[in-house]
Amino acid sequence: MDKKMFIEKMMELLDLEEAPALEDDLGNFEEWDSLGFVSFLSMANKVSATRVPPDKVRSAKTLGDLFALVKKDS
């Protein structure tokens, strides 16, 4: 997954009207709750070649941390 696609997916998942920055703290998003967590895991596991561990998602502090879990290594 590239950065543009990640931002688009996160805008949908977090119900945002403006594109967030990768440096944005997850705690600043009202929609980043247990449902957002599960929705992210579902999306991440669909786009990632490997399963994204829930504990890594729990330890994420920023959108960039989440992006690092799903970005395409190239």
Protein backbone atom coordinates (compact mmCIF):
# COMPACT_ATOMS: atom_id res chain seq x y z
CA MET A 1 0.00 0.00 0.00
CA ASP A 2 1.37 3.39 -0.90
CA LYS A 3 1.02 6.56 1.16
CA LYS A 4 -1.79 8.04 -0.97
CA MET A 5 -3.92 4.90 -0.74
CA PHE A 6 -3.26 4.66 3.01
CA ILE A 7 -4.37 8.25 3.60
CA GLU A 8 -7.55 7.65 1.55
CA LYS A 9 -8.36 4.49 3.51
CA MET A 10 -7.74 6.22 6.83
CA MET A 11 -9.94 9.15 5.82
CA GLU A 12 -12.78 6.66 5.25
CA LEU A 13 -12.03 4.67 8.39
CA LEU A 14 -11.76 7.74 10.64
CA ASP A 15 -14.59 9.61 8.89
CA LEU A 16 -12.37 12.59 8.02
CA GLU A 17 -13.08 15.33 5.50
CA GLU A 18 -9.46 16.54 5.28
CA ALA A 19 -6.38 14.44 4.69
CA PRO A 20 -4.46 13.78 7.90
CA ALA A 21 -0.66 13.88 8.23
CA LEU A 22 1.34 10.78 9.08
CA GLU A 23 2.65 12.63 12.15
CA ASP A 24 -0.87 13.03 13.59
CA ASP A 25 -1.42 11.38 16.96
CA LEU A 26 -4.05 8.63 16.90
CA GLY A 27 -5.49 9.94 20.17
CA ASN A 28 -6.61 13.08 18.34
CA PHE A 29 -9.10 11.14 16.23
CA GLU A 30 -12.54 10.62 17.74
CA GLU A 31 -13.12 7.57 15.52
CA TRP A 32 -9.93 5.82 16.71
CA ASP A 33 -11.70 3.60 19.20
CA SER A 34 -12.26 -0.15 19.48
CA LEU A 35 -14.32 -0.18 16.28
CA GLY A 36 -11.68 1.87 14.46
CA PHE A 37 -9.03 -0.55 15.73
CA VAL A 38 -10.90 -3.59 14.41
CA SER A 39 -11.70 -1.82 11.13
CA PHE A 40 -8.02 -0.97 10.67
CA LEU A 41 -6.98 -4.58 11.34
CA SER A 42 -9.49 -5.81 8.79
CA MET A 43 -8.35 -3.32 6.16
CA ALA A 44 -4.66 -3.93 6.90
CA ASN A 45 -4.97 -7.69 6.64
CA LYS A 46 -6.75 -7.35 3.29
CA VAL A 47 -4.03 -5.17 1.75
CA SER A 48 -0.99 -6.64 3.45
CA ALA A 49 0.78 -9.77 2.23
CA THR A 50 1.14 -10.88 5.86
CA ARG A 51 -1.13 -10.70 8.89
CA VAL A 52 -0.74 -7.47 10.86
CA PRO A 53 -0.34 -8.30 14.58
CA PRO A 54 -2.94 -6.61 16.82
CA ASP A 55 -0.30 -5.85 19.47
CA LYS A 56 1.68 -3.80 16.94
CA VAL A 57 -1.47 -1.81 16.12
CA ARG A 58 -2.12 -1.27 19.84
CA SER A 59 1.38 0.12 20.31
CA ALA A 60 1.03 2.56 17.38
CA LYS A 61 0.97 6.21 18.45
CA THR A 62 0.67 8.00 15.08
CA LEU A 63 -0.78 7.41 11.65
CA GLY A 64 2.80 6.95 10.47
CA ASP A 65 3.18 4.04 12.88
CA LEU A 66 0.13 2.40 11.32
CA PHE A 67 1.39 3.14 7.82
CA ALA A 68 4.67 1.38 8.63
CA LEU A 69 2.65 -1.78 9.32
CA VAL A 70 1.00 -1.84 5.90
CA LYS A 71 3.27 0.03 3.51
CA LYS A 72 4.53 -1.75 0.47
CA ASP A 73 8.25 -2.40 0.68
CA SER A 74 9.76 -1.43 -2.63
